[in-house]
């Protein structure tokens, strides 16, 4: 994907901007693409053709994976390896860079006298209201739950002295208790993709309660 990433360079993190020279980036910042994007914001017919093209280019298996009974769901743009402790070097490096970036943000916040709070969101399968669907993926990955990334970041906060709000366990409990999907929309696959209106509402209420109850906190100790 043509976007900047941080990479390790000896003991430092360096922003890799090689994407600027890729053909994809040049195409999507060119005059024709910019014109098309401007027109498609207002012309419904262009929006229809663009979405139709995107659908046709999708792998049929990717479109239906989330609804196949007995198979763990795979969401576009996500890798199920995120739910298990990393064993491959690529994942170990990715986690190391992620944690170092979070600590950098924490340090910058503190240097400006600002409270730093990390909030982890949720993926569709983590909060899917049907336990057997979640358990299918858990068996495949040989894990007890799907909260490895949330738990890992929460422990990082405990070690390094900053607040972490992990939403996925709370949203999973709500979804299962009320048998409601918090991700997805009626024109796509319910239960997967972005939060829907209900997901945003439940999340907003929880965050509001948290910050109201902790409004006097200025940060955590070193």
Protein backbone atom coordinates (compact mmCIF):
# COMPACT_ATOMS: atom_id res chain seq x y z
CA UNK A 1 0.00 0.00 0.00
CA UNK A 2 1.50 3.39 -0.98
CA UNK A 3 1.85 5.11 2.38
CA UNK A 4 4.66 6.00 4.82
CA UNK A 5 5.81 3.49 7.43
CA UNK A 6 8.38 3.56 10.18
CA UNK A 7 11.19 1.03 9.86
CA UNK A 8 14.06 0.05 12.11
CA UNK A 9 17.46 1.50 11.27
CA UNK A 10 19.95 0.27 13.84
CA UNK A 11 18.56 1.56 17.15
CA UNK A 12 16.39 4.26 15.60
CA UNK A 13 13.01 4.43 13.91
CA UNK A 14 13.11 6.02 10.47
CA UNK A 15 10.16 7.11 8.35
CA UNK A 16 10.23 5.22 5.05
CA UNK A 17 8.81 7.48 2.33
CA UNK A 18 9.78 5.36 -0.65
CA UNK A 19 6.07 5.16 -1.50
CA UNK A 20 6.38 8.64 -3.02
CA UNK A 21 8.18 7.16 -6.02
CA UNK A 22 5.74 4.30 -6.66
CA UNK A 23 3.58 4.27 -9.78
CA UNK A 24 0.41 3.80 -7.71
CA UNK A 25 1.07 6.92 -5.65
CA UNK A 26 1.92 9.00 -8.72
CA UNK A 27 -1.25 7.84 -10.44
CA UNK A 28 -3.48 8.67 -7.49
CA UNK A 29 -1.98 12.14 -7.05
CA UNK A 30 -2.05 12.98 -10.74
CA UNK A 31 -4.37 15.50 -12.38
CA UNK A 32 -6.69 12.92 -13.99
CA UNK A 33 -7.24 11.01 -10.74
CA UNK A 34 -7.80 14.24 -8.82
CA UNK A 35 -10.36 15.34 -11.41
CA UNK A 36 -12.13 11.97 -11.25
CA UNK A 37 -12.28 12.11 -7.44
CA UNK A 38 -13.70 15.63 -7.57
CA UNK A 39 -16.40 14.63 -10.06
CA UNK A 40 -17.27 11.38 -8.28
CA UNK A 41 -18.06 13.32 -5.11
CA UNK A 42 -21.05 14.84 -6.89
CA UNK A 43 -22.03 12.48 -9.71
CA UNK A 44 -23.95 9.40 -8.54
CA UNK A 45 -23.48 7.55 -11.85
CA UNK A 46 -19.69 7.69 -11.47
CA UNK A 47 -20.00 6.42 -7.91
CA UNK A 48 -22.10 3.50 -9.15
CA UNK A 49 -19.59 2.47 -11.83
CA UNK A 50 -16.65 2.83 -9.46
CA UNK A 51 -18.28 0.59 -6.85
CA UNK A 52 -19.30 -1.92 -9.51
CA UNK A 53 -15.71 -2.09 -10.77
CA UNK A 54 -14.43 -2.59 -7.22
CA UNK A 55 -16.90 -5.44 -6.66
CA UNK A 56 -15.93 -7.19 -9.88
CA UNK A 57 -12.24 -6.98 -9.00
CA UNK A 58 -12.79 -8.55 -5.60
CA UNK A 59 -12.00 -12.21 -5.12
CA UNK A 60 -15.39 -14.00 -4.73
CA UNK A 61 -13.96 -15.92 -1.76
CA UNK A 62 -13.08 -12.64 -0.03
CA UNK A 63 -16.63 -11.37 -0.53
CA UNK A 64 -18.25 -14.38 1.11
CA UNK A 65 -15.69 -15.61 3.65
CA UNK A 66 -17.38 -13.91 6.55
CA UNK A 67 -20.64 -15.77 5.91
CA UNK A 68 -19.27 -19.27 5.28
CA UNK A 69 -20.36 -21.57 8.08
CA UNK A 70 -17.55 -23.45 9.74
CA UNK A 71 -14.78 -21.22 8.39
CA UNK A 72 -13.15 -18.42 10.37
CA UNK A 73 -13.85 -14.94 9.07
CA UNK A 74 -11.12 -13.01 7.28
CA UNK A 75 -11.73 -9.30 6.88
CA UNK A 76 -10.27 -7.29 4.03
CA UNK A 77 -7.10 -5.51 5.09
CA UNK A 78 -6.64 -7.61 8.23
CA UNK A 79 -4.49 -10.63 9.05
CA UNK A 80 -5.74 -13.14 11.60
CA UNK A 81 -2.19 -13.53 12.92
CA UNK A 82 -2.81 -10.35 14.90
CA UNK A 83 -4.84 -12.40 17.39
CA UNK A 84 -1.96 -14.67 18.41
CA UNK A 85 1.45 -14.15 19.96
CA UNK A 86 3.90 -13.50 17.11
CA UNK A 87 6.23 -16.27 16.03
CA UNK A 88 7.41 -14.87 12.68
CA UNK A 89 10.17 -12.25 12.69
CA UNK A 90 8.10 -9.90 10.56
CA UNK A 91 5.37 -9.79 13.20
CA UNK A 92 7.86 -9.41 16.04
CA UNK A 93 9.42 -6.41 14.32
CA UNK A 94 5.97 -4.92 13.61
CA UNK A 95 5.00 -5.19 17.27
CA UNK A 96 8.31 -3.72 18.40
CA UNK A 97 7.91 -0.72 16.10
CA UNK A 98 4.29 -0.23 17.20
CA UNK A 99 5.21 -0.21 20.88
CA UNK A 100 8.16 2.13 20.35
CA UNK A 101 5.94 4.56 18.46
CA UNK A 102 3.37 4.52 21.27
CA UNK A 103 6.06 5.29 23.84
CA UNK A 104 7.29 8.13 21.64
CA UNK A 105 3.78 9.60 21.55
CA UNK A 106 3.51 9.18 25.33
CA UNK A 107 6.80 11.00 25.86
CA UNK A 108 5.81 13.85 23.55
CA UNK A 109 2.48 14.19 25.34
CA UNK A 110 4.17 14.38 28.73
CA UNK A 111 6.72 16.90 27.48
CA UNK A 112 3.78 19.20 26.67
CA UNK A 113 1.99 18.52 29.94
CA UNK A 114 -0.76 16.57 28.19
CA UNK A 115 -2.47 13.43 29.43
CA UNK A 116 -1.92 10.43 27.15
CA UNK A 117 -4.68 7.79 26.94
CA UNK A 118 -4.53 4.89 24.48
CA UNK A 119 -7.82 3.38 23.34
CA UNK A 120 -7.88 0.08 21.46
CA UNK A 121 -10.91 -0.45 19.22
CA UNK A 122 -12.33 -3.75 17.94
CA UNK A 123 -12.45 -5.91 14.84
CA UNK A 124 -15.67 -7.56 13.73
CA UNK A 125 -14.75 -11.13 14.64
CA UNK A 126 -13.66 -10.11 18.15
CA UNK A 127 -17.14 -8.88 19.00
CA UNK A 128 -19.21 -11.16 16.76
CA UNK A 129 -22.34 -12.04 18.76
CA UNK A 130 -22.21 -15.74 17.81
CA UNK A 131 -19.61 -17.54 20.04
CA UNK A 132 -19.14 -20.56 17.69
CA UNK A 133 -17.99 -18.17 14.95
CA UNK A 134 -15.31 -16.75 17.23
CA UNK A 135 -14.38 -20.18 18.55
CA UNK A 136 -13.73 -21.44 15.03
CA UNK A 137 -10.96 -18.90 14.59
CA UNK A 138 -9.67 -19.48 18.12
CA UNK A 139 -9.27 -23.19 17.41
CA UNK A 140 -7.42 -22.46 14.20
CA UNK A 141 -5.02 -20.09 15.95
CA UNK A 142 -4.88 -22.22 19.12
CA UNK A 143 -5.66 -19.28 21.39
CA UNK A 144 -8.02 -18.86 24.35
CA UNK A 145 -9.52 -15.60 23.13
CA UNK A 146 -9.12 -13.02 20.36
CA UNK A 147 -7.82 -10.24 22.59
CA UNK A 148 -4.07 -10.74 22.25
CA UNK A 149 -3.41 -7.25 20.76
CA UNK A 150 -5.65 -5.58 23.34
CA UNK A 151 -4.08 -7.44 26.26
CA UNK A 152 -0.56 -6.80 25.02
CA UNK A 153 -1.13 -3.05 24.75
CA UNK A 154 -2.85 -2.95 28.13
CA UNK A 155 0.20 -4.60 29.71
CA UNK A 156 2.44 -2.13 27.92
CA UNK A 157 0.49 0.69 29.54
CA UNK A 158 0.83 -0.91 32.97
CA UNK A 159 4.60 -1.28 32.53
CA UNK A 160 5.19 2.14 31.06
CA UNK A 161 2.73 4.14 33.11
CA UNK A 162 -0.08 5.29 30.81
CA UNK A 163 -3.81 4.62 30.61
CA UNK A 164 -5.17 2.06 28.17
CA UNK A 165 -8.88 1.56 27.46
CA UNK A 166 -9.52 -1.81 25.82
CA UNK A 167 -12.95 -1.74 24.19
CA UNK A 168 -13.11 -5.14 22.47
CA UNK A 169 -13.90 -7.27 25.59
CA UNK A 170 -16.59 -4.81 26.65
CA UNK A 171 -18.14 -4.71 23.18
CA UNK A 172 -18.03 -8.49 22.87
CA UNK A 173 -19.98 -8.86 26.11
CA UNK A 174 -22.56 -6.33 24.95
CA UNK A 175 -22.94 -7.93 21.51
CA UNK A 176 -23.37 -11.41 22.94
CA UNK A 177 -25.76 -10.34 25.70
CA UNK A 178 -27.97 -8.33 23.36
CA UNK A 179 -27.35 -10.47 20.26
CA UNK A 180 -26.57 -7.39 18.22
CA UNK A 181 -23.89 -6.81 15.61
CA UNK A 182 -21.72 -3.76 16.24
CA UNK A 183 -19.86 -3.86 12.91
CA UNK A 184 -21.19 -3.80 9.37
CA UNK A 185 -24.15 -2.41 7.48
CA UNK A 186 -27.17 -3.75 5.65
CA UNK A 187 -25.62 -3.19 2.21
CA UNK A 188 -22.53 -5.27 3.07
CA UNK A 189 -21.75 -8.11 5.50
CA UNK A 190 -23.27 -7.58 8.93
CA UNK A 191 -20.82 -8.12 11.74
CA UNK A 192 -17.73 -7.13 9.76
CA UNK A 193 -16.13 -3.95 8.53
CA UNK A 194 -16.54 -0.58 10.24
CA UNK A 195 -18.58 0.04 13.39
CA UNK A 196 -22.20 0.67 12.59
CA UNK A 197 -24.44 3.17 14.39
CA UNK A 198 -24.97 0.80 17.31
CA UNK A 199 -21.25 0.13 17.66
CA UNK A 200 -20.50 3.83 17.78
CA UNK A 201 -23.26 4.46 20.31
CA UNK A 202 -22.13 1.71 22.72
CA UNK A 203 -18.51 2.81 22.42
CA UNK A 204 -19.34 6.48 22.90
CA UNK A 205 -21.31 5.79 26.05
CA UNK A 206 -18.51 3.68 27.55
CA UNK A 207 -15.84 6.28 26.79
CA UNK A 208 -18.01 9.06 28.19
CA UNK A 209 -18.51 7.15 31.44
CA UNK A 210 -14.78 6.42 31.68
CA UNK A 211 -13.64 10.00 31.21
CA UNK A 212 -16.32 11.41 33.48
CA UNK A 213 -15.23 9.00 36.21
CA UNK A 214 -11.54 9.81 35.62
CA UNK A 215 -11.75 13.49 34.74
CA UNK A 216 -9.32 14.53 37.47
CA UNK A 217 -6.47 12.29 36.34
CA UNK A 218 -3.52 14.11 34.86
CA UNK A 219 -1.56 11.01 33.91
CA UNK A 220 0.04 7.97 35.45
CA UNK A 221 3.30 7.69 37.27
CA UNK A 222 6.55 6.91 35.50
